[in-house]
Protein backbone atom coordinates (compact mmCIF):
# COMPACT_ATOMS: atom_id res chain seq x y z
CA MET A 1 89.11 76.00 72.08
CA SER A 2 88.36 79.68 72.62
CA PRO A 3 84.68 80.66 72.65
CA PRO A 4 83.32 83.07 70.07
CA ALA A 5 84.10 86.72 70.70
CA SER A 6 81.06 88.28 72.33
CA THR A 7 80.47 91.47 74.28
CA THR A 8 77.98 89.53 76.40
CA LEU A 9 80.65 87.23 77.88
CA TYR A 10 82.45 88.07 81.10
CA PRO A 11 86.09 86.95 81.44
CA GLN A 12 84.98 84.28 83.90
CA GLU A 13 82.57 82.84 81.32
CA THR A 14 85.23 82.82 78.62
CA ALA A 15 87.68 81.07 80.93
CA ALA A 16 85.02 78.57 82.08
CA ALA A 17 84.25 77.59 78.49
CA GLU A 18 87.92 77.19 77.61
CA VAL A 19 88.72 75.10 80.70
CA ALA A 20 85.64 72.89 80.43
CA ALA A 21 86.16 72.27 76.72
CA ARG A 22 89.80 71.37 77.27
CA VAL A 23 89.08 68.93 80.10
CA VAL A 24 86.16 67.05 78.51
CA GLY A 25 87.46 67.12 74.94
CA ALA A 26 84.69 69.25 73.46
CA ALA A 27 84.49 72.40 71.38
CA VAL A 28 82.69 75.61 72.28
CA GLN A 29 79.69 76.02 69.99
CA PRO A 30 79.28 79.51 68.53
CA SER A 31 76.35 81.50 69.88
CA ASP A 32 74.78 84.86 69.07
CA THR A 33 73.11 85.04 72.49
CA GLY A 34 76.12 84.60 74.75
CA GLU A 35 74.94 81.19 75.97
CA LEU A 36 77.76 78.70 76.44
CA THR A 37 77.36 75.29 74.81
CA LEU A 38 79.94 72.52 74.50
CA ALA A 39 79.79 70.22 71.47
CA TYR A 40 81.27 66.73 71.83
CA PRO A 41 82.79 64.92 68.85
CA ASP A 42 79.87 62.44 68.87
CA GLY A 43 77.35 65.27 68.45
CA ARG A 44 76.12 65.50 72.03
CA LEU A 45 75.67 69.00 73.43
CA ALA A 46 76.29 70.25 76.97
CA ALA A 47 74.74 73.45 78.31
CA LEU A 48 77.25 75.37 80.45
CA GLU A 49 76.42 78.13 82.93
CA GLN A 50 79.02 79.95 85.02
CA ALA A 51 78.74 81.76 88.37
CA THR A 52 81.38 83.79 90.19
CA LEU A 53 81.61 83.74 93.99
CA GLY A 54 83.65 86.80 94.94
CA ASP A 55 84.75 90.08 93.43
CA ARG A 56 84.84 90.11 89.62
CA ALA A 57 87.22 93.08 89.58
CA ASP A 58 90.18 90.93 90.67
CA LEU A 59 89.66 88.35 87.93
CA PRO A 60 90.94 89.47 84.52
CA LEU A 61 90.95 86.87 81.77
CA ALA A 62 94.74 86.52 81.75
CA HIS A 63 94.72 85.37 85.37
CA LEU A 64 91.75 83.06 84.89
CA ARG A 65 93.76 81.42 82.10
CA ARG A 66 96.79 81.42 84.46
CA GLU A 67 98.72 83.41 81.90
CA SER A 68 99.47 85.95 84.65
CA ASP A 69 99.24 86.19 88.42
CA MET A 70 96.18 87.53 90.19
CA ARG A 71 96.35 91.33 90.29
CA TRP A 72 95.13 93.90 92.77
CA PRO A 73 94.96 97.62 91.94
CA ALA A 74 98.02 99.59 93.06
CA PRO A 75 97.01 101.51 96.22
CA ALA A 76 99.81 104.08 95.87
CA ARG A 77 102.87 104.22 93.56
CA TRP A 78 105.08 101.16 94.12
CA TRP A 79 104.70 97.71 92.62
CA TRP A 80 103.84 95.16 95.32
CA GLN A 81 104.20 91.39 95.41
CA VAL A 82 101.83 89.55 97.73
CA ALA A 83 102.52 85.87 98.51
CA ILE A 84 99.54 84.30 100.28
CA HIS A 85 100.47 81.93 103.13
CA ASP A 86 96.98 81.48 104.60
CA VAL A 87 94.24 81.48 101.97
CA ARG A 88 91.62 81.65 104.74
CA ALA A 89 92.76 85.22 105.43
CA LEU A 90 92.38 86.35 101.83
CA PRO A 91 89.18 88.43 102.30
CA ARG A 92 90.65 90.45 105.19
CA LEU A 93 94.04 90.66 103.51
CA ARG A 94 92.40 92.14 100.43
CA GLU A 95 90.97 94.92 102.62
CA VAL A 96 94.14 95.48 104.67
CA PHE A 97 96.59 95.51 101.76
CA PRO A 98 96.00 99.16 100.68
CA VAL A 99 96.48 100.36 104.28
CA ALA A 100 99.73 98.43 104.64
CA ALA A 101 101.11 99.45 101.25
CA ARG A 102 100.42 103.16 101.80
CA ALA A 103 101.95 103.05 105.28
CA CYS A 104 105.09 101.36 103.95
CA GLU A 105 105.50 103.78 101.08
CA ALA A 106 105.01 106.77 103.41
CA ALA A 107 107.73 105.39 105.70
CA ASP A 108 109.92 104.34 102.73
CA VAL A 109 110.15 100.70 103.86
CA ARG A 110 109.56 97.66 101.65
CA GLY A 111 107.45 95.55 104.03
CA PRO A 112 105.06 95.97 106.98
CA GLY A 113 107.51 94.28 109.36
CA ASP A 114 109.95 97.16 108.80
CA LEU A 115 107.49 99.82 109.95
CA PRO A 116 108.16 101.55 113.30
CA ALA A 117 106.88 99.49 116.22
CA GLY A 118 104.67 102.36 117.35
CA VAL A 119 102.87 102.43 114.00
CA ILE A 120 102.34 98.67 114.01
CA MET A 121 100.97 98.68 117.55
CA THR A 122 98.53 101.55 117.01
CA VAL A 123 97.00 100.29 113.77
CA PRO A 124 95.08 97.02 114.41
CA ASP A 125 95.22 95.90 110.78
CA LEU A 126 98.99 96.32 110.65
CA HIS A 127 99.39 94.51 113.98
CA TRP A 128 97.34 91.59 112.60
CA LEU A 129 99.32 91.51 109.37
CA VAL A 130 102.75 91.58 111.02
CA HIS A 131 102.07 89.19 113.89
CA ASN A 132 99.80 86.64 112.16
CA ARG A 133 101.79 86.66 108.90
CA PRO A 134 98.97 85.55 106.56
CA ALA A 135 101.05 86.79 103.62
CA GLN A 136 104.39 88.27 102.67
CA LEU A 137 104.20 91.78 101.21
CA LEU A 138 107.20 93.10 99.33
CA GLY A 139 107.27 96.56 97.78
CA HIS A 140 109.45 97.65 94.85
CA PRO A 141 110.03 101.43 94.93
CA SER A 142 111.88 101.38 91.61
CA VAL A 143 108.85 99.98 89.72
CA LEU A 144 105.95 102.44 89.70
CA ASP A 145 102.27 102.43 88.79
CA ARG A 146 101.97 98.68 88.28
CA PRO A 147 99.20 96.51 89.77
CA ALA A 148 100.16 94.31 92.69
CA THR A 149 100.71 90.65 91.83
CA VAL A 150 99.21 88.02 94.12
CA THR A 151 100.47 84.44 94.23
CA LEU A 152 100.02 81.35 96.37
CA GLY A 153 103.02 81.06 98.68
CA PRO A 154 104.10 78.32 101.08
CA GLY A 155 101.72 78.05 103.99
CA ARG A 156 100.06 75.88 106.58
CA PRO A 157 99.53 72.16 105.89
CA PRO A 158 96.55 71.74 103.58
CA ASP A 159 93.26 70.12 104.55
CA ARG A 160 94.18 67.02 102.56
CA GLY A 161 90.90 65.29 103.34
CA MET A 162 89.10 68.43 102.11
CA ALA A 163 86.61 68.12 104.99
CA SER A 164 86.04 71.88 104.90
CA VAL A 165 84.50 71.54 101.43
CA VAL A 166 81.63 69.46 102.83
CA PRO A 167 79.75 72.32 104.57
CA ALA A 168 80.86 74.81 101.90
CA LEU A 169 79.23 73.06 98.94
CA PRO A 170 75.60 73.87 99.89
CA LYS A 171 76.61 77.46 100.69
CA TRP A 172 78.34 77.89 97.36
CA LEU A 173 75.42 76.41 95.47
CA GLY A 174 72.91 78.41 97.50
CA SER A 175 74.62 81.75 96.91
CA GLU A 176 72.78 84.36 94.88
CA ALA A 177 75.12 84.10 91.91
CA ALA A 178 74.95 80.30 91.83
CA ALA A 179 71.16 80.32 92.23
CA ARG A 180 70.81 82.56 89.16
CA ALA A 181 73.09 80.27 87.15
CA ARG A 182 71.18 77.18 88.29
CA SER A 183 67.92 78.81 87.23
CA ARG A 184 69.31 79.57 83.76
CA LEU A 185 70.65 76.03 83.50
CA ASP A 186 67.30 74.48 84.45
CA ARG A 187 65.67 76.26 81.50
CA ARG A 188 68.13 74.88 78.96
CA ARG A 189 67.78 71.59 77.10
CA ALA A 190 70.86 69.52 76.32
CA ALA A 191 72.28 66.05 76.92
CA GLU A 192 74.30 67.51 79.81
CA ARG A 193 73.79 70.57 82.00
CA GLN A 194 77.04 71.76 83.54
CA LEU A 195 77.39 74.34 86.32
CA TYR A 196 80.80 76.05 86.61
CA LEU A 197 81.62 77.89 89.85
CA THR A 198 84.56 80.31 89.86
CA ILE A 199 85.37 80.48 93.58
CA GLY A 200 87.00 83.65 94.84
CA CYS A 201 87.58 85.60 98.01
CA THR A 202 84.34 85.27 99.95
CA GLU A 203 84.20 85.04 103.74
CA PHE A 204 81.99 81.99 103.94
CA VAL A 205 84.26 79.79 101.82
CA ALA A 206 87.64 80.73 103.30
CA ASP A 207 88.60 77.31 104.73
CA ALA A 208 87.28 75.46 101.71
CA LEU A 209 89.02 77.79 99.27
CA ASP A 210 92.29 77.00 101.05
CA ALA A 211 91.57 73.27 100.64
CA LEU A 212 90.79 73.63 96.94
CA ALA A 213 93.96 75.65 96.37
CA ARG A 214 96.38 73.42 98.31
CA ALA A 215 95.03 69.88 98.82
CA ASP A 216 95.94 67.01 96.51
CA GLY A 217 92.71 65.00 96.74
CA VAL A 218 89.09 65.52 95.75
CA PRO A 219 86.06 66.59 97.80
CA PRO A 220 84.81 63.69 99.95
CA VAL A 221 81.11 64.35 99.43
CA THR A 222 78.72 64.57 96.50
CA PRO A 223 76.77 67.79 95.85
CA PRO A 224 73.32 68.14 97.47
CA GLU A 225 70.60 65.93 96.01
CA TRP A 226 68.58 68.98 94.99
CA LEU A 227 71.25 70.01 92.45
CA THR A 228 69.74 69.23 89.04
CA ALA A 229 72.93 69.77 87.03
CA SER A 230 74.62 66.70 85.57
CA HIS A 231 78.09 68.20 86.12
CA LEU A 232 79.57 70.60 88.68
CA TRP A 233 82.88 72.43 88.28
CA LEU A 234 84.80 74.06 91.16
CA ALA A 235 87.50 76.46 89.95
CA PRO A 236 89.36 78.29 92.75
CA VAL A 237 90.98 81.58 91.80
CA LEU A 238 94.29 80.46 93.36
CA GLY A 239 96.26 77.36 92.42
CA ARG A 240 96.25 75.43 89.15
CA THR A 241 93.61 72.77 89.82
CA VAL A 242 89.93 72.57 88.88
CA PHE A 243 87.54 69.93 90.20
CA LEU A 244 84.81 68.23 88.18
CA TRP A 245 81.90 66.18 89.52
CA SER A 246 79.54 64.22 87.30
CA ARG A 247 76.64 61.94 88.18
CA ASP A 248 78.26 59.05 86.32
CA ASP A 249 81.89 59.37 87.46
CA GLY A 250 81.91 61.36 90.73
CA TRP A 251 84.78 63.74 91.46
CA SER A 252 87.98 64.18 89.47
CA ARG A 253 90.72 66.81 89.53
CA HIS A 254 92.42 68.41 86.56
CA GLU A 255 95.21 70.87 85.79
CA PRO A 256 94.05 72.37 82.50
CA TYR A 257 96.25 75.45 82.47
CA GLY A 258 99.24 75.49 80.13
């Protein structure tokens, strides 16, 4: 189900085509332009446009396929494992991680909690990390020059009703990246027009990203009426679930990763 090799495709677009094709039972139609089109066995075509909310740099294709963990660049020398307990804190944690890792390596300790109390108290980011515990950081001094691996660890009870997704949907769809994808989709002609949102570490979706990553239900609200797409995909960068809404069937959840 892999799309045609093309220098015009970002990893997120390749992953979106593979996931969508797998879930709906279609094939990716070859294209010389980089446009993504799904072909159903009965001959119907679906136009697919993808938008990424968050930093593209943290989203290599292997992670988007869930063939590897999310990776962050190594801030110093050691290999670091980061287990996320509170997905809502992911944007700040992404910024704080290099500070914490460098401080630990300089002090030759494997985690921020082992730093001297004076260091923790005088550096606000370290104090937040140690006392709020949004994630567990574990350094490996014997493994050098390897990107940090980021996984979803045990955390707070999920928003099972996914209420936080309700106010997030219009914000996601109204973001600059999504608006560009919606504009491209509106210009395409096909039996279906599908919008695929890869949802990453952005401040304004923190609660909803946590719900998408941990909850076991589906969003309790339909997309805004002004959305012209026939299908909407929500693919969080953490967890193994993607969510699909269609005008005919409403919301469904899928685990398309092998």
